[in-house]
Amino acid sequence: MLIPHPLLGLRDSQEFTYLGDAALMNRPDPATPDAEAVFCDYVFLRDNPAGVHRELWFHEQGDRSWLIVTRDTTTHEILGAELASDVKGAAQ
């Protein structure tokens, strides 16, 4: 499987470590009244989607960047990749 790194071009997926759902970038606010319950859900509950999904990947054997990879989990087709820092910066 090849991942289209936004800076380095196509890279073999073996250079990366899969880290899970990209929603993990949205860490819960610890100041909210229900912070403990929300944080427990954030840490322990995971979806297992079939279809298009946004995922965190770390370029461990490369430039050590974090990517948001959009992938179809039923076919493993990679639909795109973005630097996580660009996605996080755009959301703020």
N, C-alpha and C. Protein backbone atom coordinates (compact mmCIF):
# COMPACT_ATOMS: atom_id res chain seq x y z
N MET A 1 0.85 -1.16 0.00
CA MET A 1 0.00 0.00 0.00
C MET A 1 0.90 1.24 0.00
N LEU A 2 0.62 2.18 -0.89
CA LEU A 2 1.41 3.40 -0.99
C LEU A 2 0.62 4.58 -0.43
N ILE A 3 1.29 5.39 0.37
CA ILE A 3 0.67 6.57 0.97
C ILE A 3 1.24 7.81 0.28
N PRO A 4 0.36 8.68 -0.25
CA PRO A 4 0.85 9.89 -0.94
C PRO A 4 1.23 10.98 0.07
N HIS A 5 2.47 10.95 0.54
CA HIS A 5 2.95 11.93 1.51
C HIS A 5 2.91 13.31 0.85
N PRO A 6 2.33 14.32 1.51
CA PRO A 6 2.20 15.64 0.89
C PRO A 6 3.53 16.32 0.56
N LEU A 7 4.59 15.96 1.26
CA LEU A 7 5.90 16.59 1.02
C LEU A 7 6.86 15.69 0.26
N LEU A 8 6.75 14.37 0.45
CA LEU A 8 7.74 13.43 -0.06
C LEU A 8 7.25 12.56 -1.21
N GLY A 9 5.98 12.69 -1.58
CA GLY A 9 5.44 11.85 -2.65
C GLY A 9 5.03 10.49 -2.13
N LEU A 10 4.86 9.54 -3.04
CA LEU A 10 4.42 8.20 -2.67
C LEU A 10 5.45 7.49 -1.80
N ARG A 11 4.99 6.97 -0.67
CA ARG A 11 5.85 6.24 0.27
C ARG A 11 5.18 4.92 0.61
N ASP A 12 5.97 3.88 0.83
CA ASP A 12 5.45 2.59 1.23
C ASP A 12 4.86 2.69 2.63
N SER A 13 3.73 2.06 2.86
CA SER A 13 3.06 2.13 4.17
C SER A 13 3.91 1.52 5.28
N GLN A 14 4.88 0.69 4.94
CA GLN A 14 5.75 0.09 5.95
C GLN A 14 6.63 1.12 6.64
N GLU A 15 6.76 2.32 6.06
CA GLU A 15 7.53 3.39 6.68
C GLU A 15 6.73 4.07 7.80
N PHE A 16 5.44 3.77 7.88
CA PHE A 16 4.52 4.46 8.78
C PHE A 16 4.04 3.56 9.90
N THR A 17 3.56 4.20 10.97
CA THR A 17 2.87 3.50 12.05
C THR A 17 1.44 4.03 12.08
N TYR A 18 0.48 3.12 12.04
CA TYR A 18 -0.94 3.48 12.11
C TYR A 18 -1.29 3.78 13.56
N LEU A 19 -1.97 4.90 13.79
CA LEU A 19 -2.26 5.31 15.15
C LEU A 19 -3.75 5.43 15.47
N GLY A 20 -4.62 5.16 14.51
CA GLY A 20 -6.05 5.16 14.81
C GLY A 20 -6.82 6.29 14.17
N ASP A 21 -8.01 6.48 14.67
CA ASP A 21 -8.96 7.45 14.16
C ASP A 21 -8.42 8.87 14.28
N ALA A 22 -8.55 9.65 13.22
CA ALA A 22 -8.08 11.04 13.24
C ALA A 22 -8.87 11.89 14.23
N ALA A 23 -10.02 11.43 14.67
CA ALA A 23 -10.79 12.17 15.67
C ALA A 23 -10.03 12.27 16.99
N LEU A 24 -8.99 11.46 17.17
CA LEU A 24 -8.18 11.53 18.40
C LEU A 24 -7.46 12.87 18.53
N MET A 25 -7.36 13.62 17.43
CA MET A 25 -6.75 14.95 17.50
C MET A 25 -7.63 15.92 18.29
N ASN A 26 -8.91 15.59 18.43
CA ASN A 26 -9.86 16.46 19.13
C ASN A 26 -9.98 16.02 20.58
N ARG A 27 -8.97 16.29 21.35
CA ARG A 27 -8.92 15.89 22.76
C ARG A 27 -9.99 16.66 23.55
N PRO A 28 -10.70 15.98 24.45
CA PRO A 28 -11.75 16.64 25.23
C PRO A 28 -11.19 17.73 26.15
N ASP A 29 -12.01 18.72 26.43
CA ASP A 29 -11.65 19.81 27.33
C ASP A 29 -11.75 19.33 28.77
N PRO A 30 -10.66 19.36 29.54
CA PRO A 30 -10.71 18.87 30.92
C PRO A 30 -11.48 19.79 31.87
N ALA A 31 -11.86 20.98 31.41
CA ALA A 31 -12.56 21.92 32.28
C ALA A 31 -14.08 21.75 32.26
N THR A 32 -14.60 20.91 31.40
CA THR A 32 -16.05 20.73 31.34
C THR A 32 -16.55 19.90 32.53
N PRO A 33 -17.80 20.09 32.92
CA PRO A 33 -18.34 19.37 34.08
C PRO A 33 -18.32 17.84 33.94
N ASP A 34 -18.50 17.34 32.73
CA ASP A 34 -18.52 15.89 32.51
C ASP A 34 -17.20 15.38 31.94
N ALA A 35 -16.11 16.07 32.25
CA ALA A 35 -14.80 15.78 31.65
C ALA A 35 -14.35 14.33 31.87
N GLU A 36 -14.60 13.79 33.05
CA GLU A 36 -14.12 12.43 33.33
C GLU A 36 -14.81 11.41 32.42
N ALA A 37 -16.12 11.51 32.29
CA ALA A 37 -16.86 10.57 31.44
C ALA A 37 -16.48 10.74 29.97
N VAL A 38 -16.36 11.98 29.54
CA VAL A 38 -16.00 12.25 28.14
C VAL A 38 -14.59 11.74 27.85
N PHE A 39 -13.66 11.93 28.78
CA PHE A 39 -12.30 11.47 28.58
C PHE A 39 -12.23 9.94 28.56
N CYS A 40 -13.03 9.27 29.41
CA CYS A 40 -13.08 7.80 29.38
C CYS A 40 -13.55 7.31 28.01
N ASP A 41 -14.57 7.95 27.45
CA ASP A 41 -15.04 7.59 26.11
C ASP A 41 -13.94 7.83 25.08
N TYR A 42 -13.26 8.97 25.19
CA TYR A 42 -12.18 9.33 24.27
C TYR A 42 -11.06 8.28 24.29
N VAL A 43 -10.71 7.79 25.46
CA VAL A 43 -9.60 6.84 25.59
C VAL A 43 -10.00 5.42 25.21
N PHE A 44 -11.19 4.98 25.64
CA PHE A 44 -11.51 3.56 25.56
C PHE A 44 -12.49 3.16 24.46
N LEU A 45 -13.31 4.06 23.95
CA LEU A 45 -14.31 3.68 22.95
C LEU A 45 -13.81 4.01 21.55
N ARG A 46 -13.84 3.02 20.67
CA ARG A 46 -13.39 3.21 19.29
C ARG A 46 -14.44 2.65 18.33
N ASP A 47 -14.63 3.37 17.23
CA ASP A 47 -15.48 2.87 16.16
C ASP A 47 -14.64 1.96 15.27
N ASN A 48 -15.31 1.06 14.58
CA ASN A 48 -14.65 0.19 13.62
C ASN A 48 -15.41 0.34 12.30
N PRO A 49 -15.18 1.47 11.61
CA PRO A 49 -16.00 1.79 10.44
C PRO A 49 -15.66 0.93 9.21
N ALA A 50 -16.68 0.69 8.41
CA ALA A 50 -16.49 0.08 7.10
C ALA A 50 -16.74 1.18 6.08
N GLY A 51 -15.73 1.46 5.27
CA GLY A 51 -15.88 2.52 4.28
C GLY A 51 -14.81 3.58 4.46
N VAL A 52 -15.09 4.78 3.97
CA VAL A 52 -14.13 5.87 4.00
C VAL A 52 -13.94 6.36 5.44
N HIS A 53 -12.68 6.49 5.83
CA HIS A 53 -12.34 6.82 7.20
C HIS A 53 -11.06 7.66 7.22
N ARG A 54 -11.01 8.64 8.12
CA ARG A 54 -9.80 9.47 8.29
C ARG A 54 -8.99 8.92 9.45
N GLU A 55 -7.68 8.70 9.21
CA GLU A 55 -6.82 8.01 10.18
C GLU A 55 -5.53 8.79 10.41
N LEU A 56 -4.97 8.62 11.59
CA LEU A 56 -3.66 9.18 11.92
C LEU A 56 -2.57 8.17 11.57
N TRP A 57 -1.57 8.61 10.86
CA TRP A 57 -0.40 7.79 10.54
C TRP A 57 0.85 8.60 10.86
N PHE A 58 1.86 7.96 11.44
CA PHE A 58 3.12 8.61 11.81
C PHE A 58 4.23 8.10 10.89
N HIS A 59 4.94 9.00 10.24
CA HIS A 59 6.02 8.61 9.32
C HIS A 59 7.29 8.33 10.12
N GLU A 60 7.25 7.19 10.79
CA GLU A 60 8.30 6.81 11.74
C GLU A 60 9.66 6.61 11.07
N GLN A 61 9.68 5.99 9.90
CA GLN A 61 10.94 5.70 9.22
C GLN A 61 11.20 6.70 8.10
N GLY A 62 10.81 7.94 8.35
CA GLY A 62 11.00 8.99 7.36
C GLY A 62 11.21 10.31 8.04
N ASP A 63 10.40 11.30 7.69
CA ASP A 63 10.59 12.64 8.24
C ASP A 63 9.88 12.85 9.58
N ARG A 64 9.29 11.78 10.14
CA ARG A 64 8.65 11.79 11.45
C ARG A 64 7.46 12.74 11.51
N SER A 65 6.80 12.93 10.39
CA SER A 65 5.62 13.78 10.35
C SER A 65 4.37 12.96 10.67
N TRP A 66 3.33 13.65 11.10
CA TRP A 66 2.03 13.04 11.36
C TRP A 66 1.14 13.37 10.17
N LEU A 67 0.44 12.35 9.66
CA LEU A 67 -0.46 12.55 8.53
C LEU A 67 -1.88 12.16 8.89
N ILE A 68 -2.82 12.81 8.25
CA ILE A 68 -4.22 12.37 8.26
C ILE A 68 -4.42 11.71 6.90
N VAL A 69 -4.63 10.42 6.91
CA VAL A 69 -4.81 9.64 5.68
C VAL A 69 -6.29 9.28 5.57
N THR A 70 -6.86 9.57 4.40
CA THR A 70 -8.24 9.17 4.13
C THR A 70 -8.17 7.86 3.36
N ARG A 71 -8.78 6.82 3.94
CA ARG A 71 -8.66 5.47 3.39
C ARG A 71 -10.01 4.77 3.44
N ASP A 72 -10.29 3.99 2.41
CA ASP A 72 -11.48 3.13 2.42
C ASP A 72 -11.10 1.84 3.11
N THR A 73 -11.69 1.58 4.27
CA THR A 73 -11.30 0.42 5.07
C THR A 73 -11.76 -0.90 4.46
N THR A 74 -12.69 -0.86 3.52
CA THR A 74 -13.14 -2.11 2.89
C THR A 74 -12.24 -2.54 1.75
N THR A 75 -11.59 -1.58 1.08
CA THR A 75 -10.73 -1.91 -0.06
C THR A 75 -9.26 -1.56 0.19
N HIS A 76 -8.98 -0.82 1.26
CA HIS A 76 -7.65 -0.31 1.61
C HIS A 76 -7.15 0.73 0.61
N GLU A 77 -8.03 1.25 -0.24
CA GLU A 77 -7.64 2.30 -1.18
C GLU A 77 -7.38 3.59 -0.42
N ILE A 78 -6.23 4.20 -0.69
CA ILE A 78 -5.87 5.48 -0.09
C ILE A 78 -6.45 6.58 -0.98
N LEU A 79 -7.28 7.43 -0.41
CA LEU A 79 -7.93 8.48 -1.16
C LEU A 79 -7.22 9.82 -1.05
N GLY A 80 -6.32 9.96 -0.08
CA GLY A 80 -5.58 11.20 0.08
C GLY A 80 -4.85 11.23 1.40
N ALA A 81 -3.97 12.22 1.54
CA ALA A 81 -3.22 12.40 2.79
C ALA A 81 -2.90 13.87 2.96
N GLU A 82 -2.94 14.32 4.21
CA GLU A 82 -2.64 15.71 4.55
C GLU A 82 -1.74 15.71 5.78
N LEU A 83 -0.94 16.74 5.92
CA LEU A 83 -0.17 16.89 7.15
C LEU A 83 -1.13 17.19 8.29
N ALA A 84 -0.99 16.49 9.39
CA ALA A 84 -1.88 16.68 10.53
C ALA A 84 -1.77 18.11 11.06
N SER A 85 -0.59 18.70 10.99
CA SER A 85 -0.42 20.07 11.47
C SER A 85 -1.24 21.05 10.64
N ASP A 86 -1.39 20.80 9.34
CA ASP A 86 -2.21 21.66 8.49
C ASP A 86 -3.68 21.52 8.84
N VAL A 87 -4.12 20.28 9.11
CA VAL A 87 -5.51 20.03 9.45
C VAL A 87 -5.84 20.64 10.79
N LYS A 88 -4.98 20.45 11.78
CA LYS A 88 -5.20 21.00 13.12
C LYS A 88 -5.18 22.52 13.08
N GLY A 89 -4.27 23.12 12.32
CA GLY A 89 -4.19 24.56 12.22
C GLY A 89 -5.40 25.18 11.55
N ALA A 90 -5.97 24.48 10.56
CA ALA A 90 -7.15 24.97 9.86
C ALA A 90 -8.38 24.91 10.74
N ALA A 91 -8.41 23.96 11.70
CA ALA A 91 -9.57 23.79 12.57
C ALA A 91 -9.61 24.83 13.68
N GLN A 92 -8.52 25.52 13.95
CA GLN A 92 -8.49 26.48 15.05
C GLN A 92 -8.91 27.85 14.62
